[in-house]
């Protein structure tokens, strides 16, 4: 098969959660354990760091991978979902897994795949771990796919666990309270393995504390005061943010205001890694933070697409993520705020729409995904929340309409869904 035929085979035989929603989600790790045994437990040949949470785990994973790469380690990075190319999920020192490796893997193990019938995500994990072993990486940063306890990545025994935060998302799969969601995500916490928690208060914090006590491990709650962004509102058109770490200033290319909390989590994780014997000098950490985009090619996190008019996109798609998006949009002076917006139907659409700015012009659209909510339905729900705009049958059409309407003093924001962002980055 060609690479494209291989990808079509993977998607058609094993529909993914990304494309079809809950029917593509396969809870439990028994199939993953079967595949892992078949391949000879490849993850045991390299060290791992496990990163979970509701929002921010992608940014945290990429930052940690960049820092470790700057420190001289050969670094594997496994994340999801991808925006444009399946291979974005699997990188070594920032470079995507070669197309031929994916083709050869599927051809060589097609019989196993058709016998075990793994989920799409389980195949992703198997490819990643096998590739990291072949490339002899020193350490791999492994992002949880969904949840934690029953996630396919949870077969690893990492050096460190990191959980970024907890908010309401995937309630139909993980639970309809933050405590239930936290309990699922705490499932990656293991006996004697230290864990860093980015954000947690009240009952959610208690869930993590209880879990750490159960498995007799050290837990660290990242102190948010360890870092802050300086002059963020005044410099929103700059290609970096100034981050204060103690008395030191560092430039980070990640522009979202939510990155402050992510960076506090990253700093705490680096401290724990040092305790574990990782050699990460301060100047190396600085270099890794400043070169995260160059070294890992992270996309879609408050990513600037144009300077005039100022155009930005972000993959935030749930209440927790959209809260920060709106806060940042409202801090940006502009003549008219224009929002190209689409969502998937299995999200908490109503509550997200309640958060969006009323004083904006909307371009409601539908991404090219089976999960995407029709633009007409989205507009109908949005009008009930006081939002006004027109509908467009595709993301490119909505985006172009916003650009055509925009003056140089306007701000254009594109978001609401990973799929929407994927079509314009």
Protein backbone atom coordinates (compact mmCIF):
# COMPACT_ATOMS: atom_id res chain seq x y z
CA UNK A 1 0.00 0.00 0.00
CA UNK A 2 0.99 3.61 -0.46
CA UNK A 3 1.12 5.87 2.59
CA UNK A 4 -2.27 7.38 1.74
CA UNK A 5 -3.80 3.92 1.25
CA UNK A 6 -2.33 2.86 4.60
CA UNK A 7 -3.88 5.85 6.39
CA UNK A 8 -7.22 5.19 4.72
CA UNK A 9 -7.01 1.56 5.84
CA UNK A 10 -6.34 2.58 9.45
CA UNK A 11 -9.19 5.09 9.50
CA UNK A 12 -11.71 2.87 7.70
CA UNK A 13 -11.00 -0.33 9.60
CA UNK A 14 -10.55 1.33 12.98
CA UNK A 15 -12.66 4.53 13.09
CA UNK A 16 -11.15 7.04 15.48
CA UNK A 17 -12.73 9.04 18.27
CA UNK A 18 -11.44 12.10 16.44
CA UNK A 19 -13.58 11.36 13.38
CA UNK A 20 -16.68 9.54 14.65
CA UNK A 21 -16.89 10.39 18.35
CA UNK A 22 -17.86 7.96 21.10
CA UNK A 23 -18.31 5.00 18.75
CA UNK A 24 -14.57 5.21 18.07
CA UNK A 25 -13.69 5.12 21.76
CA UNK A 26 -12.65 1.74 23.15
CA UNK A 27 -12.20 1.82 26.93
CA UNK A 28 -9.92 -0.67 28.61
CA UNK A 29 -6.33 -1.66 27.95
CA UNK A 30 -6.56 -5.42 27.41
CA UNK A 31 -6.14 -5.18 23.63
CA UNK A 32 -3.27 -2.78 24.15
CA UNK A 33 -1.62 -5.22 26.55
CA UNK A 34 -1.98 -7.99 23.96
CA UNK A 35 -0.34 -5.86 21.29
CA UNK A 36 2.34 -4.68 23.69
CA UNK A 37 3.26 -8.28 24.54
CA UNK A 38 3.34 -9.19 20.85
CA UNK A 39 5.85 -6.41 20.17
CA UNK A 40 7.99 -7.31 23.16
CA UNK A 41 7.05 -4.39 25.42
CA UNK A 42 8.88 -1.72 23.41
CA UNK A 43 8.17 1.06 25.95
CA UNK A 44 10.45 -0.71 28.42
CA UNK A 45 13.44 0.20 26.25
CA UNK A 46 13.21 3.93 26.96
CA UNK A 47 12.25 6.22 29.83
CA UNK A 48 8.85 7.90 29.73
CA UNK A 49 6.97 10.90 31.11
CA UNK A 50 3.18 10.59 31.17
CA UNK A 51 1.06 13.73 30.69
CA UNK A 52 -2.72 13.84 31.21
CA UNK A 53 -5.41 16.39 32.02
CA UNK A 54 -8.35 18.12 30.40
CA UNK A 55 -6.69 21.17 28.84
CA UNK A 56 -3.05 22.07 28.33
CA UNK A 57 -1.55 18.59 28.11
CA UNK A 58 -0.44 19.16 24.52
CA UNK A 59 1.33 22.43 25.34
CA UNK A 60 2.94 20.92 28.44
CA UNK A 61 4.06 17.83 26.51
CA UNK A 62 5.63 19.89 23.73
CA UNK A 63 7.41 22.20 26.19
CA UNK A 64 8.84 19.25 28.12
CA UNK A 65 9.96 17.56 24.92
CA UNK A 66 11.68 20.75 23.75
CA UNK A 67 13.44 21.24 27.09
CA UNK A 68 14.68 17.63 27.13
CA UNK A 69 15.80 17.94 23.53
CA UNK A 70 17.75 21.10 24.42
CA UNK A 71 19.35 19.14 27.27
CA UNK A 72 20.81 16.69 24.77
CA UNK A 73 18.37 13.82 25.16
CA UNK A 74 16.97 12.02 22.13
CA UNK A 75 13.26 12.60 22.68
CA UNK A 76 10.17 10.83 21.48
CA UNK A 77 6.89 12.75 21.57
CA UNK A 78 3.46 11.13 21.28
CA UNK A 79 0.43 13.44 21.15
CA UNK A 80 -3.07 13.59 19.73
CA UNK A 81 -5.05 14.56 17.80
CA UNK A 82 -3.26 15.65 14.66
CA UNK A 83 -4.23 18.69 12.61
CA UNK A 84 -3.04 17.95 9.07
CA UNK A 85 -1.01 14.74 8.98
CA UNK A 86 -1.39 11.58 11.04
CA UNK A 87 2.39 11.55 11.54
CA UNK A 88 2.21 14.71 13.70
CA UNK A 89 1.28 12.36 16.55
CA UNK A 90 4.66 10.60 16.55
CA UNK A 91 7.89 12.60 16.55
CA UNK A 92 11.53 12.05 17.44
CA UNK A 93 13.47 15.24 18.15
CA UNK A 94 10.65 17.12 16.49
CA UNK A 95 10.67 15.16 13.24
CA UNK A 96 7.58 13.19 12.25
CA UNK A 97 7.73 9.42 11.86
CA UNK A 98 8.55 8.65 8.19
CA UNK A 99 5.67 7.66 5.93
CA UNK A 100 7.47 4.44 5.01
CA UNK A 101 7.68 3.34 8.64
CA UNK A 102 3.90 3.66 8.99
CA UNK A 103 3.36 1.73 5.74
CA UNK A 104 5.80 -1.04 6.70
CA UNK A 105 4.37 -1.35 10.21
CA UNK A 106 0.80 -1.83 8.99
CA UNK A 107 1.87 -4.26 6.23
CA UNK A 108 4.01 -6.34 8.59
CA UNK A 109 1.38 -6.55 11.32
CA UNK A 110 -1.85 -6.49 9.36
CA UNK A 111 -2.71 -10.04 10.44
CA UNK A 112 -2.37 -9.06 14.12
CA UNK A 113 -4.45 -5.93 13.60
CA UNK A 114 -7.25 -7.89 11.96
CA UNK A 115 -7.13 -10.56 14.66
CA UNK A 116 -7.03 -8.31 17.74
CA UNK A 117 -9.25 -5.58 16.23
CA UNK A 118 -7.59 -2.76 18.19
CA UNK A 119 -8.96 0.75 18.25
CA UNK A 120 -7.50 3.43 16.02
CA UNK A 121 -5.74 4.94 19.03
CA UNK A 122 -4.28 1.61 20.12
CA UNK A 123 -2.66 1.26 16.72
CA UNK A 124 -1.28 4.79 17.11
CA UNK A 125 0.30 3.85 20.43
CA UNK A 126 1.75 0.63 19.03
CA UNK A 127 3.32 2.43 16.07
CA UNK A 128 4.75 5.15 18.34
CA UNK A 129 6.30 2.79 20.87
CA UNK A 130 7.78 0.54 18.18
CA UNK A 131 9.22 3.56 16.37
CA UNK A 132 10.68 5.06 19.55
CA UNK A 133 12.39 1.74 20.28
CA UNK A 134 13.80 1.52 16.77
CA UNK A 135 15.10 5.08 17.02
CA UNK A 136 16.60 4.31 20.45
CA UNK A 137 15.18 7.40 22.10
CA UNK A 138 16.41 8.22 25.59
CA UNK A 139 13.02 9.39 26.83
CA UNK A 140 9.53 9.78 25.42
CA UNK A 141 6.89 12.27 26.48
CA UNK A 142 3.58 10.43 26.21
CA UNK A 143 0.34 12.39 26.15
CA UNK A 144 -2.79 10.61 27.38
CA UNK A 145 -5.43 10.25 24.68
CA UNK A 146 -8.63 10.44 26.71
CA UNK A 147 -9.13 10.06 30.45
CA UNK A 148 -6.28 8.16 32.00
CA UNK A 149 -7.22 5.01 33.90
CA UNK A 150 -8.41 3.14 30.81
CA UNK A 151 -6.32 4.99 28.24
CA UNK A 152 -4.14 2.90 25.93
CA UNK A 153 -1.03 4.79 27.00
CA UNK A 154 -1.51 3.65 30.59
CA UNK A 155 0.53 0.50 30.06
CA UNK A 156 3.74 2.45 30.68
CA UNK A 157 5.64 2.82 33.93
CA UNK A 158 6.91 6.38 33.63
CA UNK A 159 9.52 8.29 35.58
CA UNK A 160 7.02 11.08 36.20
CA UNK A 161 3.28 11.65 35.85
CA UNK A 162 1.87 15.09 35.09
CA UNK A 163 -1.82 16.06 35.24
CA UNK A 164 -2.46 19.59 33.98
CA UNK A 165 -5.99 20.35 35.18
CA UNK A 166 -9.57 19.09 35.33
CA UNK A 167 -12.63 20.62 33.70
CA UNK A 168 -15.88 19.41 32.21
CA UNK A 169 -15.24 17.56 28.95
CA UNK A 170 -16.13 14.12 27.56
CA UNK A 171 -18.70 13.78 30.35
CA UNK A 172 -20.49 10.96 28.50
CA UNK A 173 -17.31 8.88 28.80
CA UNK A 174 -15.55 10.05 31.96
CA UNK A 175 -18.33 11.16 34.30
CA UNK A 176 -20.62 14.13 34.77
CA UNK A 177 -18.85 15.72 37.75
CA UNK A 178 -15.33 17.12 38.05
CA UNK A 179 -14.66 14.62 40.85
CA UNK A 180 -15.53 11.68 38.60
CA UNK A 181 -13.41 13.08 35.77
CA UNK A 182 -10.53 13.66 38.18
CA UNK A 183 -10.80 10.08 39.42
CA UNK A 184 -10.49 8.78 35.84
CA UNK A 185 -7.54 11.01 35.06
CA UNK A 186 -5.84 10.13 38.35
CA UNK A 187 -5.66 6.56 37.06
CA UNK A 188 -2.25 7.30 35.55
CA UNK A 189 -0.81 7.86 39.05
CA UNK A 190 1.21 4.78 39.96
CA UNK A 191 2.97 3.22 42.91
CA UNK A 192 6.04 5.18 43.93
CA UNK A 193 6.08 7.40 40.82
CA UNK A 194 6.01 11.13 41.59
CA UNK A 195 3.15 13.17 40.15
CA UNK A 196 2.87 16.87 39.37
CA UNK A 197 -0.60 18.45 39.37
CA UNK A 198 -0.94 21.72 37.48
CA UNK A 199 -4.25 23.04 38.80
CA UNK A 200 -6.52 21.55 41.45
CA UNK A 201 -8.69 22.99 44.17
CA UNK A 202 -11.22 21.73 46.69
CA UNK A 203 -12.73 18.33 45.97
CA UNK A 204 -10.60 17.78 42.86
CA UNK A 205 -7.43 18.32 44.87
CA UNK A 206 -8.72 15.82 47.45
CA UNK A 207 -9.24 13.21 44.71
CA UNK A 208 -5.58 13.49 43.70
CA UNK A 209 -4.34 13.49 47.28
CA UNK A 210 -6.30 10.34 48.09
CA UNK A 211 -4.98 8.58 45.01
CA UNK A 212 -1.38 9.54 45.83
CA UNK A 213 -1.83 8.21 49.37
CA UNK A 214 -3.32 4.95 48.05
CA UNK A 215 -0.29 4.24 45.90
CA UNK A 216 2.26 5.73 48.30
CA UNK A 217 3.73 8.31 46.00
CA UNK A 218 4.91 11.92 46.22
CA UNK A 219 2.52 14.55 44.87
CA UNK A 220 3.43 18.13 43.97
CA UNK A 221 0.91 20.86 43.22
CA UNK A 222 2.52 23.37 40.88
CA UNK A 223 2.81 26.79 42.56
CA UNK A 224 1.25 29.24 40.12
CA UNK A 225 3.23 32.13 41.57
CA UNK A 226 6.46 30.63 40.22
CA UNK A 227 5.92 32.38 36.90
CA UNK A 228 3.94 35.18 35.32
CA UNK A 229 3.63 36.86 31.96
CA UNK A 230 4.75 40.49 31.73
CA UNK A 231 3.05 43.16 29.60
CA UNK A 232 0.86 40.61 27.85
CA UNK A 233 -2.04 42.89 26.91
CA UNK A 234 0.16 45.67 25.55
CA UNK A 235 2.20 43.37 23.31
CA UNK A 236 -0.36 40.94 21.93
CA UNK A 237 0.94 41.40 18.36
CA UNK A 238 4.47 40.36 19.32
CA UNK A 239 5.59 36.84 18.31
CA UNK A 240 6.47 36.00 21.93
CA UNK A 241 5.42 36.57 25.53
CA UNK A 242 7.78 37.58 28.30
CA UNK A 243 7.71 35.01 31.06
CA UNK A 244 9.15 35.83 34.48
CA UNK A 245 10.68 32.82 36.22
CA UNK A 246 11.91 34.05 39.58
CA UNK A 247 14.14 36.98 38.69
CA UNK A 248 14.76 35.77 35.14
CA UNK A 249 12.93 36.77 31.95
CA UNK A 250 12.29 34.15 29.28
CA UNK A 251 10.61 34.61 25.91
CA UNK A 252 8.03 31.95 25.10
CA UNK A 253 6.57 31.68 21.59
CA UNK A 254 3.30 30.33 23.04
CA UNK A 255 0.98 33.33 23.09
CA UNK A 256 -2.19 32.18 24.87
CA UNK A 257 -2.76 33.64 28.33
CA UNK A 258 -3.62 30.13 29.52
CA UNK A 259 0.04 29.25 28.95
CA UNK A 260 0.91 30.87 32.29
CA UNK A 261 -0.68 27.96 34.10
CA UNK A 262 0.84 25.47 31.69
CA UNK A 263 4.30 26.96 32.23
CA UNK A 264 3.93 26.71 36.01
CA UNK A 265 3.20 23.02 35.48
CA UNK A 266 6.22 22.64 33.19
CA UNK A 267 8.53 24.30 35.74
CA UNK A 268 7.36 21.96 38.51
CA UNK A 269 7.80 18.97 36.21
CA UNK A 270 11.37 20.03 35.39
CA UNK A 271 12.17 20.32 39.10
CA UNK A 272 10.91 16.76 39.64
CA UNK A 273 12.90 15.49 36.67
CA UNK A 274 16.05 17.02 38.15
CA UNK A 275 15.35 15.17 41.40
CA UNK A 276 15.11 12.00 39.32
CA UNK A 277 18.56 12.54 37.84
CA UNK A 278 17.76 14.32 34.58
CA UNK A 279 20.45 16.87 33.74
CA UNK A 280 18.54 20.05 32.86
CA UNK A 281 20.58 23.19 33.64
CA UNK A 282 18.68 26.46 33.91
CA UNK A 283 20.05 27.88 30.65
CA UNK A 284 19.03 24.66 28.88
CA UNK A 285 15.49 24.95 30.23
CA UNK A 286 15.38 28.53 28.97
CA UNK A 287 16.52 27.47 25.50
CA UNK A 288 13.93 24.70 25.38
CA UNK A 289 11.08 27.04 26.33
CA UNK A 290 12.12 29.69 23.84
CA UNK A 291 12.44 27.17 20.99
CA UNK A 292 9.39 25.01 21.63
CA UNK A 293 7.77 25.81 18.28
CA UNK A 294 11.01 25.39 16.33
CA UNK A 295 11.89 22.09 17.98
CA UNK A 296 8.48 20.40 18.24
CA UNK A 297 6.36 22.16 15.58
CA UNK A 298 3.37 22.66 17.86
CA UNK A 299 0.44 24.23 16.01
CA UNK A 300 -2.98 25.63 16.83
CA UNK A 301 -2.33 27.11 20.28
CA UNK A 302 -3.15 30.80 19.97
CA UNK A 303 -1.33 30.70 16.65
CA UNK A 304 -1.00 33.96 14.74
CA UNK A 305 -1.88 33.54 11.06
CA UNK A 306 -1.78 37.15 9.84
CA UNK A 307 -0.56 40.43 11.27
CA UNK A 308 -2.84 42.86 9.36
CA UNK A 309 -5.61 42.31 10.07
CA UNK A 310 -4.53 40.38 13.14
CA UNK A 311 -5.70 36.78 12.67
CA UNK A 312 -5.32 34.13 15.34
CA UNK A 313 -6.59 30.58 15.82
CA UNK A 314 -6.83 28.30 18.84
CA UNK A 315 -7.91 24.71 19.36
CA UNK A 316 -9.72 25.43 22.66
CA UNK A 317 -13.04 23.61 22.39
CA UNK A 318 -14.54 23.14 25.85
CA UNK A 319 -15.75 25.44 28.62
CA UNK A 320 -12.38 25.42 30.39
CA UNK A 321 -10.45 26.33 27.25
CA UNK A 322 -12.93 28.83 25.83
CA UNK A 323 -12.97 30.83 29.08
CA UNK A 324 -9.33 31.76 28.52
CA UNK A 325 -9.85 32.40 24.81
CA UNK A 326 -12.64 34.87 25.54
CA UNK A 327 -10.65 36.59 28.25
CA UNK A 328 -7.79 37.10 25.82
CA UNK A 329 -10.01 38.29 22.99
CA UNK A 330 -11.65 40.85 25.26
CA UNK A 331 -8.22 42.24 26.23
CA UNK A 332 -7.28 42.95 22.60
CA UNK A 333 -8.15 46.45 21.33
CA UNK A 334 -9.70 46.35 17.87
CA UNK A 335 -12.30 48.03 15.69
CA UNK A 336 -14.38 44.89 15.11
CA UNK A 337 -13.93 41.39 16.47
CA UNK A 338 -14.79 38.78 13.83
CA UNK A 339 -15.13 35.16 14.94
CA UNK A 340 -15.07 32.16 12.60
CA UNK A 341 -16.64 29.47 14.73
CA UNK A 342 -17.62 25.82 14.52
CA UNK A 343 -18.09 23.03 17.07
CA UNK A 344 -18.66 19.31 17.25
CA UNK A 345 -22.09 18.25 18.40
CA UNK A 346 -20.96 16.10 21.34
CA UNK A 347 -19.42 19.04 23.23
CA UNK A 348 -21.17 21.28 25.74
CA UNK A 349 -22.15 23.67 22.95
CA UNK A 350 -24.72 25.63 24.94
CA UNK A 351 -22.37 26.57 27.77
CA UNK A 352 -19.54 27.43 25.37
CA UNK A 353 -21.83 29.77 23.42
CA UNK A 354 -22.83 31.50 26.65
CA UNK A 355 -19.19 32.47 27.19
CA UNK A 356 -18.58 34.03 23.77
CA UNK A 357 -18.47 37.84 23.33
CA UNK A 358 -21.80 39.38 22.37
CA UNK A 359 -20.13 42.32 20.63
CA UNK A 360 -18.62 40.36 17.75
CA UNK A 361 -19.52 39.42 14.19
CA UNK A 362 -19.84 35.65 13.79
CA UNK A 363 -19.17 33.40 10.82
CA UNK A 364 -20.78 30.10 11.82
CA UNK A 365 -19.39 27.12 9.95
CA UNK A 366 -19.06 23.35 9.84
CA UNK A 367 -15.76 21.52 9.69
CA UNK A 368 -15.27 18.56 7.38
CA UNK A 369 -15.96 16.00 10.12
CA UNK A 370 -18.80 13.61 10.85
CA UNK A 371 -18.88 14.99 14.40
CA UNK A 372 -19.28 18.62 13.33
CA UNK A 373 -22.52 20.38 14.22
CA UNK A 374 -24.32 21.79 11.15
CA UNK A 375 -23.69 25.50 10.82
CA UNK A 376 -27.40 26.27 10.70
CA UNK A 377 -28.02 24.46 13.99
CA UNK A 378 -25.03 26.22 15.55
CA UNK A 379 -26.36 29.62 14.45
CA UNK A 380 -29.79 28.79 15.87
CA UNK A 381 -28.32 27.93 19.27
CA UNK A 382 -26.01 30.96 19.15
CA UNK A 383 -28.88 33.36 18.46
CA UNK A 384 -30.54 32.12 21.65
CA UNK A 385 -27.43 33.37 23.47
CA UNK A 386 -27.48 36.76 21.76
CA UNK A 387 -24.79 36.05 19.15
CA UNK A 388 -25.30 37.35 15.61
CA UNK A 389 -23.78 36.28 12.33
CA UNK A 390 -24.11 34.38 9.06
CA UNK A 391 -23.62 30.74 8.14
CA UNK A 392 -21.08 29.23 5.76
CA UNK A 393 -21.04 25.58 4.62
CA UNK A 394 -17.26 25.20 4.89
CA UNK A 395 -14.44 26.56 7.02
CA UNK A 396 -12.47 28.00 4.07
CA UNK A 397 -15.56 29.92 2.92
CA UNK A 398 -16.22 31.30 6.40
CA UNK A 399 -12.58 32.22 6.86
CA UNK A 400 -12.37 33.98 3.51
CA UNK A 401 -15.58 35.89 4.22
CA UNK A 402 -14.14 37.13 7.52
CA UNK A 403 -10.93 38.24 5.80
CA UNK A 404 -12.88 40.00 3.04
CA UNK A 405 -14.95 41.89 5.63
CA UNK A 406 -12.06 42.79 7.93
CA UNK A 407 -10.36 46.18 8.14
CA UNK A 408 -6.72 46.48 9.16
CA UNK A 409 -7.82 47.43 12.69
CA UNK A 410 -10.00 44.34 13.13
CA UNK A 411 -9.17 41.08 14.89
CA UNK A 412 -10.22 37.77 13.33
CA UNK A 413 -10.39 34.71 15.58
CA UNK A 414 -10.84 31.16 14.27
CA UNK A 415 -11.77 28.34 16.64
CA UNK A 416 -14.32 26.31 18.55
CA UNK A 417 -12.97 22.99 17.35
CA UNK A 418 -9.70 21.30 16.50
CA UNK A 419 -11.22 20.40 13.13
CA UNK A 420 -11.97 24.03 12.31
CA UNK A 421 -8.40 25.07 13.10
CA UNK A 422 -7.00 22.12 11.12
CA UNK A 423 -8.53 23.45 7.93
CA UNK A 424 -6.79 26.83 8.02
CA UNK A 425 -3.34 26.34 9.63
